[in-house]
N, C-alpha and C. Protein backbone atom coordinates (compact mmCIF):
# COMPACT_ATOMS: atom_id res chain seq x y z
N GLU A 1 123.20 111.89 106.01
CA GLU A 1 122.47 110.65 105.77
C GLU A 1 121.59 110.78 104.52
N LEU A 2 120.91 111.91 104.38
CA LEU A 2 120.08 112.15 103.21
C LEU A 2 120.94 112.18 101.95
N ALA A 3 122.13 112.78 102.08
CA ALA A 3 123.05 112.86 100.94
C ALA A 3 123.47 111.45 100.50
N GLU A 4 123.71 110.56 101.47
CA GLU A 4 124.08 109.18 101.16
C GLU A 4 122.95 108.47 100.42
N GLU A 5 121.72 108.65 100.90
CA GLU A 5 120.56 108.03 100.26
C GLU A 5 120.40 108.54 98.83
N LEU A 6 120.59 109.84 98.65
CA LEU A 6 120.50 110.41 97.30
C LEU A 6 121.58 109.86 96.39
N GLN A 7 122.79 109.71 96.92
CA GLN A 7 123.90 109.14 96.13
C GLN A 7 123.58 107.70 95.70
N GLU A 8 123.05 106.92 96.65
CA GLU A 8 122.69 105.52 96.34
C GLU A 8 121.61 105.47 95.27
N GLU A 9 120.60 106.32 95.40
CA GLU A 9 119.51 106.33 94.42
C GLU A 9 120.02 106.78 93.05
N LEU A 10 120.90 107.77 93.03
CA LEU A 10 121.49 108.24 91.78
C LEU A 10 122.31 107.13 91.13
N ALA A 11 123.07 106.39 91.92
CA ALA A 11 123.86 105.27 91.39
C ALA A 11 122.94 104.20 90.80
N ARG A 12 121.83 103.92 91.50
CA ARG A 12 120.86 102.92 91.02
C ARG A 12 120.23 103.37 89.70
N LEU A 13 119.85 104.64 89.61
CA LEU A 13 119.26 105.17 88.38
C LEU A 13 120.27 105.18 87.23
N THR A 14 121.50 105.54 87.53
CA THR A 14 122.55 105.54 86.51
C THR A 14 122.76 104.14 85.97
N SER A 15 122.80 103.18 86.86
CA SER A 15 122.96 101.78 86.44
C SER A 15 121.79 101.34 85.57
N TYR A 16 120.58 101.72 85.96
CA TYR A 16 119.38 101.37 85.19
C TYR A 16 119.45 101.96 83.78
N VAL A 17 119.85 103.23 83.67
CA VAL A 17 119.96 103.89 82.37
C VAL A 17 121.03 103.22 81.51
N GLU A 18 122.19 102.91 82.12
CA GLU A 18 123.26 102.24 81.37
C GLU A 18 122.80 100.88 80.86
N THR A 19 122.06 100.16 81.69
CA THR A 19 121.54 98.85 81.28
C THR A 19 120.55 99.01 80.13
N ALA A 20 119.67 99.99 80.23
CA ALA A 20 118.68 100.23 79.17
C ALA A 20 119.39 100.59 77.85
N LEU A 21 120.44 101.39 77.93
CA LEU A 21 121.20 101.74 76.72
C LEU A 21 121.91 100.52 76.12
N THR A 22 122.45 99.67 76.97
CA THR A 22 123.09 98.44 76.49
C THR A 22 122.07 97.55 75.80
N ILE A 23 120.88 97.42 76.38
CA ILE A 23 119.82 96.61 75.77
C ILE A 23 119.48 97.19 74.39
N ALA A 24 119.31 98.49 74.32
CA ALA A 24 118.96 99.13 73.04
C ALA A 24 120.05 98.88 71.99
N ARG A 25 121.32 99.04 72.36
CA ARG A 25 122.41 98.79 71.41
C ARG A 25 122.42 97.33 70.96
N ALA A 26 122.22 96.41 71.92
CA ALA A 26 122.23 94.98 71.58
C ALA A 26 121.07 94.64 70.66
N GLU A 27 119.87 95.16 70.97
CA GLU A 27 118.70 94.85 70.15
C GLU A 27 118.81 95.45 68.75
N GLN A 28 119.62 96.49 68.61
CA GLN A 28 119.85 97.09 67.29
C GLN A 28 121.08 96.50 66.60
N GLY A 29 121.73 95.51 67.25
CA GLY A 29 122.91 94.88 66.66
C GLY A 29 124.12 95.80 66.63
N ARG A 30 124.20 96.73 67.58
CA ARG A 30 125.29 97.69 67.57
C ARG A 30 126.31 97.48 68.69
N LEU A 31 126.33 96.29 69.27
CA LEU A 31 127.34 96.00 70.29
C LEU A 31 128.59 95.46 69.63
N GLU A 32 129.73 95.92 70.09
CA GLU A 32 130.98 95.41 69.55
C GLU A 32 131.33 94.12 70.29
N MET A 33 131.51 93.05 69.53
CA MET A 33 131.84 91.75 70.12
C MET A 33 133.25 91.36 69.68
N ASN A 34 133.99 90.81 70.62
CA ASN A 34 135.33 90.30 70.32
C ASN A 34 135.42 88.86 70.79
N PRO A 35 134.82 87.94 70.01
CA PRO A 35 134.85 86.53 70.45
C PRO A 35 136.29 86.01 70.44
N GLU A 36 136.56 85.19 71.44
CA GLU A 36 137.89 84.59 71.58
C GLU A 36 137.70 83.21 72.21
N PRO A 37 138.68 82.33 72.05
CA PRO A 37 138.58 81.03 72.73
C PRO A 37 138.73 81.24 74.24
N LEU A 38 137.78 80.74 75.00
CA LEU A 38 137.84 80.86 76.47
C LEU A 38 137.89 79.47 77.08
N ALA A 39 138.88 79.23 77.92
CA ALA A 39 138.92 78.00 78.71
C ALA A 39 137.84 78.16 79.77
N LEU A 40 136.74 77.45 79.60
CA LEU A 40 135.53 77.74 80.37
C LEU A 40 135.68 77.48 81.87
N LYS A 41 136.36 76.40 82.25
CA LYS A 41 136.48 76.10 83.69
C LYS A 41 137.24 77.21 84.41
N GLU A 42 138.31 77.69 83.80
CA GLU A 42 139.09 78.78 84.40
C GLU A 42 138.24 80.07 84.47
N PHE A 43 137.54 80.35 83.40
CA PHE A 43 136.66 81.53 83.34
C PHE A 43 135.59 81.46 84.43
N LEU A 44 134.95 80.29 84.56
CA LEU A 44 133.90 80.13 85.56
C LEU A 44 134.44 80.20 86.98
N THR A 45 135.62 79.64 87.21
CA THR A 45 136.22 79.69 88.54
C THR A 45 136.36 81.14 89.00
N ASP A 46 136.86 82.00 88.11
CA ASP A 46 137.01 83.42 88.44
C ASP A 46 135.65 84.10 88.61
N THR A 47 134.74 83.84 87.69
CA THR A 47 133.44 84.52 87.67
C THR A 47 132.55 84.09 88.83
N LEU A 48 132.61 82.82 89.21
CA LEU A 48 131.66 82.30 90.21
C LEU A 48 132.10 82.50 91.65
N GLU A 49 133.34 82.88 91.88
CA GLU A 49 133.85 82.99 93.25
C GLU A 49 132.99 83.94 94.10
N LEU A 50 132.71 85.13 93.61
CA LEU A 50 131.90 86.10 94.34
C LEU A 50 130.51 85.55 94.63
N PHE A 51 129.90 84.91 93.63
CA PHE A 51 128.54 84.39 93.82
C PHE A 51 128.50 83.22 94.79
N SER A 52 129.57 82.43 94.83
CA SER A 52 129.65 81.35 95.83
C SER A 52 129.66 81.94 97.23
N ARG A 53 130.40 83.03 97.43
CA ARG A 53 130.45 83.68 98.75
C ARG A 53 129.11 84.31 99.11
N LEU A 54 128.45 84.95 98.12
CA LEU A 54 127.14 85.56 98.38
C LEU A 54 126.11 84.50 98.73
N ALA A 55 126.14 83.37 98.03
CA ALA A 55 125.21 82.27 98.33
C ALA A 55 125.48 81.73 99.74
N ALA A 56 126.76 81.54 100.07
CA ALA A 56 127.13 81.01 101.39
C ALA A 56 126.65 81.95 102.50
N ALA A 57 126.70 83.26 102.26
CA ALA A 57 126.23 84.23 103.26
C ALA A 57 124.74 84.07 103.53
N GLU A 58 124.01 83.48 102.57
CA GLU A 58 122.57 83.23 102.75
C GLU A 58 122.30 81.79 103.17
N GLY A 59 123.36 81.04 103.47
CA GLY A 59 123.20 79.64 103.86
C GLY A 59 122.89 78.73 102.68
N ARG A 60 123.28 79.17 101.48
CA ARG A 60 123.03 78.40 100.25
C ARG A 60 124.37 78.03 99.62
N ARG A 61 124.31 77.15 98.63
CA ARG A 61 125.53 76.77 97.92
C ARG A 61 125.35 76.99 96.43
N LEU A 62 126.44 77.34 95.78
CA LEU A 62 126.50 77.37 94.32
C LEU A 62 127.29 76.13 93.94
N LEU A 63 126.58 75.14 93.43
CA LEU A 63 127.18 73.86 93.05
C LEU A 63 127.38 73.86 91.54
N TRP A 64 128.63 73.70 91.10
CA TRP A 64 128.86 73.76 89.67
C TRP A 64 129.91 72.75 89.24
N SER A 65 129.82 72.37 87.98
CA SER A 65 130.82 71.46 87.41
C SER A 65 131.04 71.83 85.95
N CYS A 66 132.29 71.67 85.54
CA CYS A 66 132.67 71.95 84.16
C CYS A 66 133.89 71.10 83.84
N PRO A 67 133.81 70.29 82.78
CA PRO A 67 135.00 69.52 82.40
C PRO A 67 136.17 70.47 82.13
N ALA A 68 137.37 70.05 82.51
CA ALA A 68 138.55 70.91 82.43
C ALA A 68 138.92 71.33 81.02
N ASP A 69 138.60 70.51 80.03
CA ASP A 69 139.10 70.78 78.67
C ASP A 69 138.12 71.55 77.78
N ILE A 70 137.05 72.07 78.34
CA ILE A 70 136.03 72.76 77.53
C ILE A 70 136.51 74.16 77.15
N VAL A 71 136.42 74.45 75.86
CA VAL A 71 136.74 75.78 75.35
C VAL A 71 135.52 76.26 74.57
N VAL A 72 135.12 77.52 74.81
CA VAL A 72 134.02 78.12 74.05
C VAL A 72 134.56 79.33 73.29
N GLN A 73 133.84 79.68 72.24
CA GLN A 73 134.15 80.87 71.46
C GLN A 73 133.16 81.94 71.89
N ALA A 74 133.62 82.93 72.66
CA ALA A 74 132.69 83.93 73.19
C ALA A 74 133.41 85.23 73.52
N ASP A 75 132.64 86.29 73.56
CA ASP A 75 133.15 87.58 74.01
C ASP A 75 133.20 87.53 75.54
N ARG A 76 134.39 87.67 76.09
CA ARG A 76 134.61 87.51 77.53
C ARG A 76 133.71 88.43 78.37
N SER A 77 133.69 89.72 78.08
CA SER A 77 132.93 90.64 78.93
C SER A 77 131.42 90.43 78.79
N THR A 78 130.97 90.07 77.59
CA THR A 78 129.54 89.82 77.39
C THR A 78 129.10 88.57 78.14
N LEU A 79 129.90 87.51 78.05
CA LEU A 79 129.57 86.27 78.76
C LEU A 79 129.57 86.52 80.27
N LYS A 80 130.53 87.30 80.75
CA LYS A 80 130.59 87.63 82.18
C LYS A 80 129.34 88.41 82.59
N GLN A 81 128.91 89.34 81.77
CA GLN A 81 127.72 90.14 82.08
C GLN A 81 126.46 89.26 82.09
N ILE A 82 126.38 88.32 81.14
CA ILE A 82 125.24 87.39 81.11
C ILE A 82 125.20 86.57 82.39
N LEU A 83 126.33 85.97 82.75
CA LEU A 83 126.37 85.15 83.96
C LEU A 83 126.11 85.97 85.21
N PHE A 84 126.65 87.17 85.27
CA PHE A 84 126.43 88.05 86.42
C PHE A 84 124.94 88.30 86.62
N ASN A 85 124.24 88.62 85.53
CA ASN A 85 122.80 88.89 85.62
C ASN A 85 122.01 87.64 86.00
N LEU A 86 122.34 86.51 85.39
CA LEU A 86 121.62 85.27 85.69
C LEU A 86 121.83 84.85 87.14
N LEU A 87 123.08 84.92 87.61
CA LEU A 87 123.36 84.51 88.98
C LEU A 87 122.76 85.50 89.99
N SER A 88 122.76 86.78 89.65
CA SER A 88 122.11 87.76 90.53
C SER A 88 120.63 87.43 90.66
N ASN A 89 120.02 87.02 89.55
CA ASN A 89 118.60 86.62 89.57
C ASN A 89 118.37 85.41 90.47
N THR A 90 119.24 84.42 90.37
CA THR A 90 119.05 83.21 91.18
C THR A 90 119.19 83.53 92.67
N LEU A 91 120.09 84.46 92.99
CA LEU A 91 120.24 84.85 94.39
C LEU A 91 119.05 85.66 94.88
N LYS A 92 118.58 86.57 94.04
CA LYS A 92 117.53 87.50 94.42
C LYS A 92 116.15 86.83 94.48
N HIS A 93 115.85 85.97 93.51
CA HIS A 93 114.49 85.43 93.37
C HIS A 93 114.39 83.94 93.67
N GLY A 94 115.52 83.32 94.03
CA GLY A 94 115.50 81.89 94.27
C GLY A 94 115.76 81.54 95.72
N GLU A 95 115.68 80.25 95.97
CA GLU A 95 116.00 79.74 97.30
C GLU A 95 116.69 78.40 97.13
N GLN A 96 117.28 77.92 98.20
CA GLN A 96 118.03 76.67 98.21
C GLN A 96 119.28 76.81 97.32
N ASP A 97 119.87 75.66 96.99
CA ASP A 97 121.13 75.68 96.26
C ASP A 97 120.95 76.10 94.80
N ILE A 98 122.00 76.67 94.25
CA ILE A 98 122.03 77.08 92.84
C ILE A 98 122.90 76.05 92.11
N LEU A 99 122.39 75.56 90.99
CA LEU A 99 123.11 74.53 90.24
C LEU A 99 123.57 75.08 88.89
N LEU A 100 124.81 74.78 88.53
CA LEU A 100 125.32 75.15 87.22
C LEU A 100 126.11 73.97 86.69
N ARG A 101 125.72 73.48 85.53
CA ARG A 101 126.39 72.34 84.90
C ARG A 101 126.79 72.70 83.48
N VAL A 102 127.96 72.29 83.08
CA VAL A 102 128.45 72.52 81.72
C VAL A 102 128.59 71.18 81.04
N ARG A 103 128.05 71.09 79.83
CA ARG A 103 128.10 69.84 79.07
C ARG A 103 128.44 70.13 77.61
N PRO A 104 129.42 69.39 77.05
CA PRO A 104 129.67 69.53 75.61
C PRO A 104 128.54 68.87 74.83
N HIS A 105 128.26 69.41 73.64
CA HIS A 105 127.16 68.86 72.85
C HIS A 105 127.40 69.15 71.37
N ARG A 106 127.97 68.23 70.63
CA ARG A 106 128.15 68.32 69.17
C ARG A 106 128.47 69.72 68.65
N GLY A 107 129.67 70.19 68.84
CA GLY A 107 130.08 71.48 68.30
C GLY A 107 129.62 72.67 69.12
N SER A 108 128.95 72.39 70.25
CA SER A 108 128.55 73.49 71.12
C SER A 108 128.72 73.06 72.57
N VAL A 109 128.50 73.98 73.45
CA VAL A 109 128.62 73.73 74.89
C VAL A 109 127.38 74.31 75.56
N SER A 110 126.74 73.52 76.40
CA SER A 110 125.55 74.00 77.12
C SER A 110 125.88 74.30 78.56
N LEU A 111 125.45 75.46 79.01
CA LEU A 111 125.50 75.83 80.42
C LEU A 111 124.07 75.77 80.92
N LEU A 112 123.83 74.95 81.91
CA LEU A 112 122.50 74.84 82.52
C LEU A 112 122.60 75.45 83.92
N LEU A 113 121.77 76.42 84.19
CA LEU A 113 121.79 77.11 85.46
C LEU A 113 120.38 77.14 86.02
N GLY A 114 120.24 76.81 87.30
CA GLY A 114 118.90 76.86 87.86
C GLY A 114 118.86 76.75 89.36
N ASN A 115 117.71 77.10 89.89
CA ASN A 115 117.40 76.88 91.30
C ASN A 115 115.90 77.03 91.53
N ARG A 116 115.48 76.61 92.71
CA ARG A 116 114.06 76.70 93.06
C ARG A 116 113.67 78.16 93.22
N MET A 117 112.54 78.52 92.65
CA MET A 117 112.07 79.90 92.76
C MET A 117 111.39 80.11 94.11
N MET A 118 111.57 81.31 94.63
CA MET A 118 110.94 81.70 95.88
C MET A 118 109.44 81.81 95.64
N GLU A 119 108.66 81.37 96.62
CA GLU A 119 107.22 81.58 96.52
C GLU A 119 106.97 83.08 96.50
N ARG A 120 106.06 83.52 95.67
CA ARG A 120 105.74 84.96 95.61
C ARG A 120 105.01 85.37 96.88
N THR A 121 105.65 86.18 97.67
CA THR A 121 105.02 86.71 98.87
C THR A 121 105.26 88.21 98.91
N GLN A 122 104.68 88.84 99.88
CA GLN A 122 104.88 90.29 100.01
C GLN A 122 106.35 90.61 100.25
N THR A 123 107.07 89.69 100.89
CA THR A 123 108.46 89.98 101.25
C THR A 123 109.46 89.59 100.16
N SER A 124 109.03 88.84 99.15
CA SER A 124 109.99 88.46 98.12
C SER A 124 110.35 89.69 97.30
N ARG A 125 111.60 89.75 96.93
CA ARG A 125 112.10 90.94 96.23
C ARG A 125 111.70 90.89 94.77
N GLN A 126 110.93 91.86 94.36
CA GLN A 126 110.49 91.95 92.97
C GLN A 126 111.47 92.85 92.22
N GLY A 127 111.81 92.47 91.00
CA GLY A 127 112.68 93.30 90.19
C GLY A 127 111.91 93.88 89.02
N LEU A 128 112.60 94.62 88.20
CA LEU A 128 111.98 95.22 87.03
C LEU A 128 111.99 94.28 85.83
N GLY A 129 112.70 93.13 85.95
CA GLY A 129 112.79 92.22 84.82
C GLY A 129 113.80 92.66 83.80
N ILE A 130 114.52 93.74 84.08
CA ILE A 130 115.46 94.28 83.11
C ILE A 130 116.71 93.39 83.00
N GLY A 131 117.05 92.67 84.07
CA GLY A 131 118.21 91.78 84.04
C GLY A 131 118.06 90.68 83.01
N LEU A 132 116.89 90.03 82.98
CA LEU A 132 116.67 88.96 81.99
C LEU A 132 116.56 89.53 80.59
N ARG A 133 116.00 90.71 80.47
CA ARG A 133 115.91 91.35 79.15
C ARG A 133 117.31 91.63 78.62
N LEU A 134 118.19 92.10 79.50
CA LEU A 134 119.58 92.34 79.11
C LEU A 134 120.26 91.03 78.69
N VAL A 135 120.04 89.97 79.45
CA VAL A 135 120.63 88.67 79.12
C VAL A 135 120.17 88.22 77.73
N GLN A 136 118.88 88.34 77.46
CA GLN A 136 118.35 87.94 76.15
C GLN A 136 118.95 88.79 75.03
N ALA A 137 119.05 90.10 75.26
CA ALA A 137 119.61 90.98 74.23
C ALA A 137 121.08 90.67 73.98
N LEU A 138 121.85 90.44 75.03
CA LEU A 138 123.28 90.13 74.87
C LEU A 138 123.48 88.79 74.17
N ALA A 139 122.73 87.78 74.61
CA ALA A 139 122.87 86.45 74.00
C ALA A 139 122.51 86.49 72.52
N SER A 140 121.53 87.32 72.15
CA SER A 140 121.12 87.39 70.75
C SER A 140 122.22 87.98 69.86
N GLN A 141 123.14 88.71 70.45
CA GLN A 141 124.23 89.31 69.67
C GLN A 141 125.46 88.42 69.56
N MET A 142 125.51 87.35 70.34
CA MET A 142 126.65 86.44 70.29
C MET A 142 126.38 85.38 69.23
N LYS A 143 127.28 85.26 68.28
CA LYS A 143 127.11 84.31 67.19
C LYS A 143 126.93 82.88 67.70
N GLN A 144 126.02 82.16 67.06
CA GLN A 144 125.77 80.73 67.34
C GLN A 144 125.45 80.48 68.81
N THR A 145 124.79 81.43 69.45
CA THR A 145 124.44 81.28 70.86
C THR A 145 122.92 81.24 70.98
N ARG A 146 122.44 80.29 71.77
CA ARG A 146 121.00 80.19 71.99
C ARG A 146 120.73 80.26 73.49
N LEU A 147 119.59 80.84 73.83
CA LEU A 147 119.21 81.00 75.22
C LEU A 147 117.77 80.52 75.40
N ALA A 148 117.54 79.71 76.41
CA ALA A 148 116.18 79.28 76.74
C ALA A 148 115.98 79.48 78.24
N ILE A 149 114.85 80.06 78.61
CA ILE A 149 114.55 80.33 80.01
C ILE A 149 113.20 79.70 80.34
N ARG A 150 113.15 78.96 81.45
CA ARG A 150 111.88 78.35 81.90
C ARG A 150 111.65 78.73 83.35
N ARG A 151 110.42 79.02 83.67
CA ARG A 151 110.05 79.32 85.06
C ARG A 151 108.79 78.56 85.40
N ARG A 152 108.92 77.55 86.22
CA ARG A 152 107.75 76.82 86.74
C ARG A 152 108.14 76.19 88.06
N GLY A 153 108.15 76.98 89.11
CA GLY A 153 108.60 76.47 90.40
C GLY A 153 110.12 76.41 90.46
N PHE A 154 110.71 76.12 89.33
CA PHE A 154 112.16 76.12 89.19
C PHE A 154 112.50 77.12 88.11
N PHE A 155 113.58 77.85 88.29
CA PHE A 155 114.08 78.78 87.29
C PHE A 155 115.24 78.08 86.60
N TRP A 156 115.10 77.81 85.29
CA TRP A 156 116.16 77.12 84.54
C TRP A 156 116.55 77.96 83.34
N VAL A 157 117.82 78.08 83.11
CA VAL A 157 118.34 78.76 81.93
C VAL A 157 119.29 77.81 81.24
N ARG A 158 119.14 77.71 79.94
CA ARG A 158 120.08 76.93 79.13
C ARG A 158 120.72 77.89 78.14
N LEU A 159 122.03 78.06 78.28
CA LEU A 159 122.79 78.92 77.39
C LEU A 159 123.69 78.02 76.56
N GLN A 160 123.46 78.02 75.26
CA GLN A 160 124.25 77.18 74.37
C GLN A 160 125.24 78.06 73.61
N LEU A 161 126.53 77.77 73.78
CA LEU A 161 127.61 78.54 73.18
C LEU A 161 128.36 77.70 72.16
N PRO A 162 128.95 78.34 71.15
CA PRO A 162 129.75 77.57 70.20
C PRO A 162 131.04 77.09 70.86
N ALA A 163 131.40 75.84 70.57
CA ALA A 163 132.67 75.31 71.08
C ALA A 163 133.80 76.04 70.37
N GLY A 164 134.88 76.25 71.09
CA GLY A 164 136.03 76.94 70.51
C GLY A 164 137.21 76.00 70.35
N GLU A 165 138.15 76.44 69.56
CA GLU A 165 139.40 75.70 69.42
C GLU A 165 140.27 76.05 70.60
N LYS A 166 141.05 75.09 71.06
CA LYS A 166 142.00 75.40 72.12
C LYS A 166 142.99 76.40 71.58
N ALA A 167 143.31 77.39 72.40
CA ALA A 167 144.28 78.40 71.99
C ALA A 167 145.65 77.75 71.81
N ALA A 168 146.33 78.12 70.75
CA ALA A 168 147.66 77.57 70.50
C ALA A 168 148.61 78.08 71.56
N PRO A 169 149.55 77.25 72.02
CA PRO A 169 150.52 77.72 73.01
C PRO A 169 151.29 78.91 72.45
N ASN A 170 151.61 79.83 73.31
CA ASN A 170 152.30 81.06 72.89
C ASN A 170 153.81 80.82 72.96
N HIS A 171 154.46 80.72 71.82
CA HIS A 171 155.91 80.47 71.76
C HIS A 171 156.61 81.73 71.31
N GLU A 172 157.00 82.54 72.29
CA GLU A 172 157.72 83.78 71.93
C GLU A 172 159.13 83.70 72.39
């Protein structure tokens, strides 16, 4: 049992160190990015499935909408990591339903994500804040991407991504 606890703590520390190194590389502009056109609705469907199940296990819903024809220009793994951290935050520090809306906006696409913040109590789970720091560092490395975070009873994030061209059909 002690060995299991040590393994869990070691895994947590390893993850923390890896996150800190990723933040440092991003803040120094040393992350390798491979932007590509992403069909956003398909990408979100895959990415949000796990979080929908986690929210449902807590009696909450992840309510989201995205027009079918939206394409963004983004690095797939970086965008997935950003969304993973943001959604983990909404589950950990929020309550009630989680909302995610995608809207096209003159050459860019906005993702709005938010939910009601949990009242600060002794039992609310406090984090190190490293997840949001990672999100900010990653977003700063993605070309033409802007991030805004607001916390006032509600936690809202607006991630603005460059619109992408639809990928040409593959005729081989």
